[in-house]
C-alpha cells in the first residue's frame, strides 16, 4: 500500500499542540487594516483553537506527521 501523505496546505495553516489541540491564525489580518479598529486588530493577533468535527478532519490531514 502507498503511504498516506500529509496535506501540505493544512501543514502550513495549522499547528497541533502538545495536548492535541489544533491552533490556527485569525483571519482578516492580511490587508485593508486601516478600516479596522485597533481593538479589533489586537484581538485578531491571538491564535484560535479549532473544535469539534473540523478539528478531527484537520487531525486526519496532518496524521502522518504527528
Protein backbone atom coordinates (compact mmCIF):
# COMPACT_ATOMS: atom_id res chain seq x y z
CA UNK A 1 0.00 0.00 0.00
CA UNK A 2 1.19 3.54 -0.66
CA UNK A 3 1.95 5.79 2.26
CA UNK A 4 -0.59 8.32 3.49
CA UNK A 5 0.64 11.85 2.80
CA UNK A 6 0.38 14.96 4.94
CA UNK A 7 -1.89 17.65 3.48
CA UNK A 8 0.66 20.39 2.79
CA UNK A 9 -1.91 23.23 2.88
CA UNK A 10 -3.02 22.14 6.36
CA UNK A 11 0.58 21.79 7.49
CA UNK A 12 1.17 25.47 6.66
CA UNK A 13 -2.01 26.74 8.35
CA UNK A 14 -2.46 24.61 11.46
CA UNK A 15 -0.34 23.50 14.42
CA UNK A 16 -1.04 20.66 16.84
CA UNK A 17 -0.24 21.48 20.46
CA UNK A 18 1.32 19.03 22.92
CA UNK A 19 -2.15 18.27 24.34
CA UNK A 20 -3.54 17.55 20.86
CA UNK A 21 -5.46 20.78 20.26
CA UNK A 22 -5.39 22.40 16.80
CA UNK A 23 -4.28 26.05 16.62
CA UNK A 24 -4.64 28.47 13.70
CA UNK A 25 -4.08 32.16 13.00
CA UNK A 26 -7.03 34.54 12.86
CA UNK A 27 -8.43 35.60 9.50
CA UNK A 28 -8.89 39.25 8.39
CA UNK A 29 -5.33 40.31 9.30
CA UNK A 30 -3.81 40.32 5.81
CA UNK A 31 -4.66 43.72 4.34
CA UNK A 32 -7.06 46.69 4.46
CA UNK A 33 -6.16 47.17 8.13
CA UNK A 34 -6.77 50.94 8.12
CA UNK A 35 -10.54 50.45 8.24
CA UNK A 36 -10.34 48.11 11.25
CA UNK A 37 -10.20 49.43 14.80
CA UNK A 38 -7.12 48.93 16.97
CA UNK A 39 -9.18 46.84 19.39
CA UNK A 40 -10.31 44.53 16.59
CA UNK A 41 -6.77 44.13 15.22
CA UNK A 42 -5.43 43.43 18.71
CA UNK A 43 -7.98 40.66 19.14
CA UNK A 44 -7.08 39.14 15.79
CA UNK A 45 -3.40 38.80 16.80
CA UNK A 46 -4.14 35.80 19.00
CA UNK A 47 -4.24 32.22 17.75
CA UNK A 48 -7.58 30.40 17.90
CA UNK A 49 -8.37 26.76 18.68
CA UNK A 50 -10.38 24.59 16.27
CA UNK A 51 -13.02 22.42 17.96
CA UNK A 52 -15.40 19.61 17.05
CA UNK A 53 -15.65 17.81 13.71
CA UNK A 54 -13.39 20.32 11.95
CA UNK A 55 -10.55 19.52 14.36
CA UNK A 56 -10.91 15.81 13.60
CA UNK A 57 -10.73 16.45 9.84
CA UNK A 58 -7.61 18.59 10.24
CA UNK A 59 -6.00 16.00 12.50
CA UNK A 60 -6.57 13.36 9.79
CA UNK A 61 -4.93 15.61 7.19
CA UNK A 62 -1.90 16.09 9.43
CA UNK A 63 -1.86 12.46 10.62
CA UNK A 64 1.38 11.11 9.10
CA UNK A 65 3.41 13.95 10.57
CA UNK A 66 2.01 13.65 14.10
